[in-house]
PDB file of N, CA and C in Angstrom:
ATOM      1  N   MET A   1    -230.209 111.355  57.583  1.00  0.00           N
ATOM      2  CA  MET A   1    -230.816 110.061  57.434  1.00  0.00           C
ATOM      3  C   MET A   1    -232.160 110.220  56.739  1.00  0.00           C
ATOM      4  N   GLU A   2    -232.341 109.569  55.634  1.00  0.00           N
ATOM      5  CA  GLU A   2    -233.581 109.642  54.863  1.00  0.00           C
ATOM      6  C   GLU A   2    -234.520 108.552  55.357  1.00  0.00           C
ATOM      7  N   THR A   3    -235.533 108.937  56.108  1.00  0.00           N
ATOM      8  CA  THR A   3    -236.375 107.940  56.760  1.00  0.00           C
ATOM      9  C   THR A   3    -237.874 108.145  56.580  1.00  0.00           C
ATOM     10  N   LYS A   4    -238.333 109.253  56.045  1.00  0.00           N
ATOM     11  CA  LYS A   4    -239.767 109.542  55.987  1.00  0.00           C
ATOM     12  C   LYS A   4    -240.581 108.451  55.305  1.00  0.00           C
ATOM     13  N   ASP A   5    -239.993 107.675  54.427  1.00  0.00           N
ATOM     14  CA  ASP A   5    -240.708 106.584  53.775  1.00  0.00           C
ATOM     15  C   ASP A   5    -240.518 105.261  54.494  1.00  0.00           C
ATOM     16  N   SER A   6    -239.850 105.285  55.623  1.00  0.00           N
ATOM     17  CA  SER A   6    -239.523 104.061  56.346  1.00  0.00           C
ATOM     18  C   SER A   6    -240.639 103.626  57.284  1.00  0.00           C
ATOM     19  N   THR A   7    -240.701 102.323  57.465  1.00  0.00           N
ATOM     20  CA  THR A   7    -241.574 101.718  58.452  1.00  0.00           C
ATOM     21  C   THR A   7    -240.694 100.899  59.383  1.00  0.00           C
ATOM     22  N   VAL A   8    -240.927 101.034  60.684  1.00  0.00           N
ATOM     23  CA  VAL A   8    -240.132 100.315  61.667  1.00  0.00           C
ATOM     24  C   VAL A   8    -241.073  99.475  62.526  1.00  0.00           C
ATOM     25  N   ALA A   9    -240.667  98.231  62.785  1.00  0.00           N
ATOM     26  CA  ALA A   9    -241.401  97.352  63.691  1.00  0.00           C
ATOM     27  C   ALA A   9    -240.514  97.062  64.886  1.00  0.00           C
ATOM     28  N   VAL A  10    -241.066  97.234  66.076  1.00  0.00           N
ATOM     29  CA  VAL A  10    -240.350  96.949  67.316  1.00  0.00           C
ATOM     30  C   VAL A  10    -241.034  95.748  67.961  1.00  0.00           C
ATOM     31  N   PHE A  11    -240.265  94.676  68.160  1.00  0.00           N
ATOM     32  CA  PHE A  11    -240.779  93.458  68.770  1.00  0.00           C
ATOM     33  C   PHE A  11    -240.274  93.393  70.205  1.00  0.00           C
ATOM     34  N   PHE A  12    -241.197  93.451  71.152  1.00  0.00           N
ATOM     35  CA  PHE A  12    -240.820  93.421  72.560  1.00  0.00           C
ATOM     36  C   PHE A  12    -240.274  92.043  72.938  1.00  0.00           C
ATOM     37  N   THR A  13    -239.392  92.038  73.922  1.00  0.00           N
ATOM     38  CA  THR A  13    -238.871  90.801  74.479  1.00  0.00           C
ATOM     39  C   THR A  13    -240.033  89.969  75.012  1.00  0.00           C
ATOM     40  N   ARG A  14    -239.909  88.653  74.937  1.00  0.00           N
ATOM     41  CA  ARG A  14    -240.985  87.765  75.364  1.00  0.00           C
ATOM     42  C   ARG A  14    -241.488  88.148  76.761  1.00  0.00           C
ATOM     43  N   GLY A  15    -242.795  88.367  76.843  1.00  0.00           N
ATOM     44  CA  GLY A  15    -243.442  88.705  78.096  1.00  0.00           C
ATOM     45  C   GLY A  15    -243.444  90.188  78.450  1.00  0.00           C
ATOM     46  N   MET A  16    -242.727  91.013  77.695  1.00  0.00           N
ATOM     47  CA  MET A  16    -242.603  92.442  78.034  1.00  0.00           C
ATOM     48  C   MET A  16    -243.745  93.231  77.396  1.00  0.00           C
ATOM     49  N   SER A  17    -244.096  94.347  78.063  1.00  0.00           N
ATOM     50  CA  SER A  17    -245.208  95.185  77.616  1.00  0.00           C
ATOM     51  C   SER A  17    -244.974  96.621  78.056  1.00  0.00           C
ATOM     52  N   PHE A  18    -245.784  97.525  77.544  1.00  0.00           N
ATOM     53  CA  PHE A  18    -245.732  98.907  78.015  1.00  0.00           C
ATOM     54  C   PHE A  18    -246.101  98.961  79.497  1.00  0.00           C
ATOM     55  N   ALA A  19    -247.058  98.140  79.904  1.00  0.00           N
ATOM     56  CA  ALA A  19    -247.460  98.109  81.312  1.00  0.00           C
ATOM     57  C   ALA A  19    -246.282  97.683  82.192  1.00  0.00           C
ATOM     58  N   ALA A  20    -245.501  96.724  81.738  1.00  0.00           N
ATOM     59  CA  ALA A  20    -244.318  96.292  82.493  1.00  0.00           C
ATOM     60  C   ALA A  20    -243.291  97.416  82.551  1.00  0.00           C
ATOM     61  N   TRP A  21    -243.073  98.112  81.429  1.00  0.00           N
ATOM     62  CA  TRP A  21    -242.158  99.267  81.433  1.00  0.00           C
ATOM     63  C   TRP A  21    -242.635 100.281  82.461  1.00  0.00           C
ATOM     64  N   ASP A  22    -243.943 100.502  82.510  1.00  0.00           N
ATOM     65  CA  ASP A  22    -244.517 101.462  83.442  1.00  0.00           C
ATOM     66  C   ASP A  22    -244.257 101.017  84.888  1.00  0.00           C
ATOM     67  N   ARG A  23    -244.524  99.760  85.196  1.00  0.00           N
ATOM     68  CA  ARG A  23    -244.282  99.224  86.539  1.00  0.00           C
ATOM     69  C   ARG A  23    -242.813  99.309  86.944  1.00  0.00           C
ATOM     70  N   LEU A  24    -241.921  99.105  85.981  1.00  0.00           N
ATOM     71  CA  LEU A  24    -240.479  99.119  86.250  1.00  0.00           C
ATOM     72  C   LEU A  24    -239.898 100.529  86.296  1.00  0.00           C
ATOM     73  N   GLY A  25    -240.719 101.535  85.979  1.00  0.00           N
ATOM     74  CA  GLY A  25    -240.257 102.918  86.020  1.00  0.00           C
ATOM     75  C   GLY A  25    -239.441 103.349  84.823  1.00  0.00           C
ATOM     76  N   MET A  26    -239.530 102.605  83.738  1.00  0.00           N
ATOM     77  CA  MET A  26    -238.728 102.931  82.569  1.00  0.00           C
ATOM     78  C   MET A  26    -239.555 103.406  81.372  1.00  0.00           C
ATOM     79  N   LEU A  27    -240.851 103.524  81.543  1.00  0.00           N
ATOM     80  CA  LEU A  27    -241.728 103.905  80.435  1.00  0.00           C
ATOM     81  C   LEU A  27    -241.366 105.262  79.855  1.00  0.00           C
ATOM     82  N   LYS A  28    -241.233 106.274  80.699  1.00  0.00           N
ATOM     83  CA  LYS A  28    -240.968 107.628  80.224  1.00  0.00           C
ATOM     84  C   LYS A  28    -239.680 107.693  79.399  1.00  0.00           C
ATOM     85  N   ARG A  29    -238.642 107.071  79.898  1.00  0.00           N
ATOM     86  CA  ARG A  29    -237.358 107.077  79.182  1.00  0.00           C
ATOM     87  C   ARG A  29    -237.471 106.370  77.828  1.00  0.00           C
ATOM     88  N   GLU A  30    -238.086 105.199  77.835  1.00  0.00           N
ATOM     89  CA  GLU A  30    -238.173 104.410  76.604  1.00  0.00           C
ATOM     90  C   GLU A  30    -239.070 105.071  75.561  1.00  0.00           C
ATOM     91  N   ILE A  31    -240.234 105.581  75.967  1.00  0.00           N
ATOM     92  CA  ILE A  31    -241.129 106.150  74.958  1.00  0.00           C
ATOM     93  C   ILE A  31    -240.554 107.423  74.355  1.00  0.00           C
ATOM     94  N   HIS A  32    -239.740 108.130  75.107  1.00  0.00           N
ATOM     95  CA  HIS A  32    -239.121 109.344  74.562  1.00  0.00           C
ATOM     96  C   HIS A  32    -238.303 109.007  73.310  1.00  0.00           C
ATOM     97  N   ILE A  33    -237.567 107.936  73.361  1.00  0.00           N
ATOM     98  CA  ILE A  33    -236.760 107.490  72.213  1.00  0.00           C
ATOM     99  C   ILE A  33    -237.668 107.219  71.010  1.00  0.00           C
ATOM    100  N   TYR A  34    -238.765 106.497  71.240  1.00  0.00           N
ATOM    101  CA  TYR A  34    -239.638 106.108  70.138  1.00  0.00           C
ATOM    102  C   TYR A  34    -240.510 107.257  69.651  1.00  0.00           C
ATOM    103  N   GLN A  35    -240.815 108.210  70.498  1.00  0.00           N
ATOM    104  CA  GLN A  35    -241.534 109.406  70.041  1.00  0.00           C
ATOM    105  C   GLN A  35    -240.670 110.169  69.037  1.00  0.00           C
ATOM    106  N   ARG A  36    -239.389 110.288  69.332  1.00  0.00           N
ATOM    107  CA  ARG A  36    -238.474 110.964  68.404  1.00  0.00           C
ATOM    108  C   ARG A  36    -238.357 110.180  67.098  1.00  0.00           C
ATOM    109  N   LEU A  37    -238.223 108.876  67.200  1.00  0.00           N
ATOM    110  CA  LEU A  37    -238.136 108.050  66.002  1.00  0.00           C
ATOM    111  C   LEU A  37    -239.402 108.198  65.158  1.00  0.00           C
ATOM    112  N   ALA A  38    -240.566 108.174  65.791  1.00  0.00           N
ATOM    113  CA  ALA A  38    -241.840 108.277  65.071  1.00  0.00           C
ATOM    114  C   ALA A  38    -241.946 109.581  64.292  1.00  0.00           C
ATOM    115  N   SER A  39    -241.307 110.622  64.782  1.00  0.00           N
ATOM    116  CA  SER A  39    -241.367 111.905  64.071  1.00  0.00           C
ATOM    117  C   SER A  39    -240.515 111.894  62.804  1.00  0.00           C
ATOM    118  N   GLU A  40    -239.664 110.906  62.665  1.00  0.00           N
ATOM    119  CA  GLU A  40    -238.752 110.825  61.520  1.00  0.00           C
ATOM    120  C   GLU A  40    -239.144 109.782  60.484  1.00  0.00           C
ATOM    121  N   ILE A  41    -240.141 108.964  60.767  1.00  0.00           N
ATOM    122  CA  ILE A  41    -240.510 107.878  59.857  1.00  0.00           C
ATOM    123  C   ILE A  41    -241.998 107.931  59.519  1.00  0.00           C
ATOM    124  N   ARG A  42    -242.375 107.123  58.547  1.00  0.00           N
ATOM    125  CA  ARG A  42    -243.771 107.074  58.112  1.00  0.00           C
ATOM    126  C   ARG A  42    -244.650 106.299  59.092  1.00  0.00           C
ATOM    127  N   GLN A  43    -244.177 105.139  59.555  1.00  0.00           N
ATOM    128  CA  GLN A  43    -245.001 104.279  60.406  1.00  0.00           C
ATOM    129  C   GLN A  43    -244.125 103.532  61.401  1.00  0.00           C
ATOM    130  N   LEU A  44    -244.624 103.385  62.628  1.00  0.00           N
ATOM    131  CA  LEU A  44    -243.930 102.650  63.680  1.00  0.00           C
ATOM    132  C   LEU A  44    -244.913 101.678  64.306  1.00  0.00           C
ATOM    133  N   TYR A  45    -244.540 100.404  64.339  1.00  0.00           N
ATOM    134  CA  TYR A  45    -245.365  99.359  64.925  1.00  0.00           C
ATOM    135  C   TYR A  45    -244.684  98.795  66.157  1.00  0.00           C
ATOM    136  N   PHE A  46    -245.447  98.611  67.222  1.00  0.00           N
ATOM    137  CA  PHE A  46    -244.965  97.932  68.424  1.00  0.00           C
ATOM    138  C   PHE A  46    -245.731  96.623  68.557  1.00  0.00           C
ATOM    139  N   PHE A  47    -245.015  95.518  68.620  1.00  0.00           N
ATOM    140  CA  PHE A  47    -245.610  94.212  68.879  1.00  0.00           C
ATOM    141  C   PHE A  47    -245.267  93.855  70.313  1.00  0.00           C
ATOM    142  N   THR A  48    -246.274  93.880  71.194  1.00  0.00           N
ATOM    143  CA  THR A  48    -246.032  93.714  72.622  1.00  0.00           C
ATOM    144  C   THR A  48    -246.763  92.484  73.154  1.00  0.00           C
ATOM    145  N   TYR A  49    -246.495  92.166  74.396  1.00  0.00           N
ATOM    146  CA  TYR A  49    -247.145  91.043  75.063  1.00  0.00           C
ATOM    147  C   TYR A  49    -248.225  91.500  76.032  1.00  0.00           C
ATOM    148  N   GLY A  50    -248.469  92.779  76.127  1.00  0.00           N
ATOM    149  CA  GLY A  50    -249.466  93.301  77.064  1.00  0.00           C
ATOM    150  C   GLY A  50    -250.848  93.350  76.455  1.00  0.00           C
ATOM    151  N   ASN A  51    -251.786  92.664  77.070  1.00  0.00           N
ATOM    152  CA  ASN A  51    -253.163  92.644  76.556  1.00  0.00           C
ATOM    153  C   ASN A  51    -253.814  94.017  76.576  1.00  0.00           C
ATOM    154  N   ALA A  52    -253.398  94.879  77.501  1.00  0.00           N
ATOM    155  CA  ALA A  52    -254.014  96.195  77.645  1.00  0.00           C
ATOM    156  C   ALA A  52    -253.108  97.323  77.152  1.00  0.00           C
ATOM    157  N   ASP A  53    -252.100  96.994  76.364  1.00  0.00           N
ATOM    158  CA  ASP A  53    -251.133  98.015  75.940  1.00  0.00           C
ATOM    159  C   ASP A  53    -251.703  99.069  75.006  1.00  0.00           C
ATOM    160  N   ALA A  54    -252.832  98.804  74.389  1.00  0.00           N
ATOM    161  CA  ALA A  54    -253.443  99.805  73.505  1.00  0.00           C
ATOM    162  C   ALA A  54    -253.750 101.096  74.261  1.00  0.00           C
ATOM    163  N   ARG A  55    -253.902 101.011  75.575  1.00  0.00           N
ATOM    164  CA  ARG A  55    -254.194 102.220  76.366  1.00  0.00           C
ATOM    165  C   ARG A  55    -253.040 103.218  76.357  1.00  0.00           C
ATOM    166  N   TYR A  56    -251.853 102.802  75.934  1.00  0.00           N
ATOM    167  CA  TYR A  56    -250.689 103.689  75.862  1.00  0.00           C
ATOM    168  C   TYR A  56    -250.599 104.421  74.526  1.00  0.00           C
ATOM    169  N   LYS A  57    -251.548 104.193  73.638  1.00  0.00           N
ATOM    170  CA  LYS A  57    -251.552 104.812  72.310  1.00  0.00           C
ATOM    171  C   LYS A  57    -251.479 106.333  72.386  1.00  0.00           C
ATOM    172  N   GLY A  58    -252.114 106.921  73.368  1.00  0.00           N
ATOM    173  CA  GLY A  58    -252.148 108.376  73.505  1.00  0.00           C
ATOM    174  C   GLY A  58    -250.794 109.006  73.766  1.00  0.00           C
ATOM    175  N   LEU A  59    -249.791 108.205  74.080  1.00  0.00           N
ATOM    176  CA  LEU A  59    -248.448 108.725  74.328  1.00  0.00           C
ATOM    177  C   LEU A  59    -247.657 108.951  73.036  1.00  0.00           C
ATOM    178  N   PHE A  60    -248.228 108.510  71.928  1.00  0.00           N
ATOM    179  CA  PHE A  60    -247.504 108.545  70.660  1.00  0.00           C
ATOM    180  C   PHE A  60    -248.278 109.309  69.588  1.00  0.00           C
ATOM    181  N   PRO A  61    -247.571 109.760  68.548  1.00  0.00           N
ATOM    182  CA  PRO A  61    -248.261 110.399  67.410  1.00  0.00           C
ATOM    183  C   PRO A  61    -249.113 109.385  66.645  1.00  0.00           C
ATOM    184  N   SER A  62    -249.905 109.863  65.727  1.00  0.00           N
ATOM    185  CA  SER A  62    -250.872 109.019  65.009  1.00  0.00           C
ATOM    186  C   SER A  62    -250.244 107.970  64.094  1.00  0.00           C
ATOM    187  N   ASN A  63    -248.969 108.095  63.790  1.00  0.00           N
ATOM    188  CA  ASN A  63    -248.338 107.113  62.909  1.00  0.00           C
ATOM    189  C   ASN A  63    -247.783 105.908  63.674  1.00  0.00           C
ATOM    190  N   VAL A  64    -248.126 105.784  64.943  1.00  0.00           N
ATOM    191  CA  VAL A  64    -247.672 104.667  65.762  1.00  0.00           C
ATOM    192  C   VAL A  64    -248.838 103.716  66.003  1.00  0.00           C
ATOM    193  N   ARG A  65    -248.590 102.422  65.786  1.00  0.00           N
ATOM    194  CA  ARG A  65    -249.592 101.383  66.023  1.00  0.00           C
ATOM    195  C   ARG A  65    -249.062 100.441  67.093  1.00  0.00           C
ATOM    196  N   ILE A  66    -249.893 100.138  68.063  1.00  0.00           N
ATOM    197  CA  ILE A  66    -249.539  99.185  69.110  1.00  0.00           C
ATOM    198  C   ILE A  66    -250.326  97.911  68.847  1.00  0.00           C
ATOM    199  N   ILE A  67    -249.608  96.815  68.668  1.00  0.00           N
ATOM    200  CA  ILE A  67    -250.218  95.525  68.374  1.00  0.00           C
ATOM    201  C   ILE A  67    -249.956  94.602  69.568  1.00  0.00           C
ATOM    202  N   PRO A  68    -250.903  94.491  70.492  1.00  0.00           N
ATOM    203  CA  PRO A  68    -250.697  93.600  71.634  1.00  0.00           C
ATOM    204  C   PRO A  68    -250.903  92.136  71.228  1.00  0.00           C
ATOM    205  N   LYS A  69    -250.307  91.237  71.995  1.00  0.00           N
ATOM    206  CA  LYS A  69    -250.475  89.809  71.740  1.00  0.00           C
ATOM    207  C   LYS A  69    -251.938  89.439  71.921  1.00  0.00           C
ATOM    208  N   PRO A  70    -252.525  88.780  70.931  1.00  0.00           N
ATOM    209  CA  PRO A  70    -253.904  88.320  71.104  1.00  0.00           C
ATOM    210  C   PRO A  70    -253.987  87.319  72.256  1.00  0.00           C
ATOM    211  N   ARG A  71    -255.023  87.412  73.038  1.00  0.00           N
ATOM    212  CA  ARG A  71    -255.173  86.551  74.218  1.00  0.00           C
ATOM    213  C   ARG A  71    -255.160  85.066  73.878  1.00  0.00           C
ATOM    214  N   PHE A  72    -255.671  84.697  72.717  1.00  0.00           N
ATOM    215  CA  PHE A  72    -255.800  83.284  72.368  1.00  0.00           C
ATOM    216  C   PHE A  72    -254.499  82.656  71.855  1.00  0.00           C
ATOM    217  N   ILE A  73    -253.480  83.453  71.612  1.00  0.00           N
ATOM    218  CA  ILE A  73    -252.205  82.921  71.135  1.00  0.00           C
ATOM    219  C   ILE A  73    -251.267  82.720  72.329  1.00  0.00           C
ATOM    220  N   PRO A  74    -250.776  81.493  72.538  1.00  0.00           N
ATOM    221  CA  PRO A  74    -249.845  81.267  73.648  1.00  0.00           C
ATOM    222  C   PRO A  74    -248.557  82.088  73.472  1.00  0.00           C
ATOM    223  N   VAL A  75    -247.983  82.500  74.589  1.00  0.00           N
ATOM    224  CA  VAL A  75    -246.772  83.329  74.568  1.00  0.00           C
ATOM    225  C   VAL A  75    -245.670  82.668  73.747  1.00  0.00           C
ATOM    226  N   ILE A  76    -245.467  81.375  73.933  1.00  0.00           N
ATOM    227  CA  ILE A  76    -244.376  80.680  73.228  1.00  0.00           C
ATOM    228  C   ILE A  76    -244.589  80.736  71.709  1.00  0.00           C
ATOM    229  N   LEU A  77    -245.826  80.606  71.260  1.00  0.00           N
ATOM    230  CA  LEU A  77    -246.117  80.681  69.833  1.00  0.00           C
ATOM    231  C   LEU A  77    -245.956  82.100  69.301  1.00  0.00           C
ATOM    232  N   TYR A  78    -246.429  83.079  70.052  1.00  0.00           N
ATOM    233  CA  TYR A  78    -246.317  84.490  69.638  1.00  0.00           C
ATOM    234  C   TYR A  78    -244.865  84.927  69.529  1.00  0.00           C
ATOM    235  N   SER A  79    -244.018  84.374  70.370  1.00  0.00           N
ATOM    236  CA  SER A  79    -242.601  84.784  70.368  1.00  0.00           C
ATOM    237  C   SER A  79    -241.836  84.242  69.172  1.00  0.00           C
ATOM    238  N   VAL A  80    -242.394  83.247  68.498  1.00  0.00           N
ATOM    239  CA  VAL A  80    -241.736  82.699  67.317  1.00  0.00           C
ATOM    240  C   VAL A  80    -241.957  83.651  66.173  1.00  0.00           C
TER     241      VAL A  80
END
């Protein structure tokens, strides 16, 4: 698979965040998948609903960007 020039965007389900994955006990399993993907592509973006999700940046390589929902944007609008 030729992917080094690829950019991938992952849009979390409405209301979901890395913090929620952590609370649900699924963070380790899920990030493992995306860590492997990040090693194969140029850039990986996560669009999440967690205001504090930037704190999970250290779990990923430098080509991963976490874009949390801005506080001033309502959830319903952000999900569109």
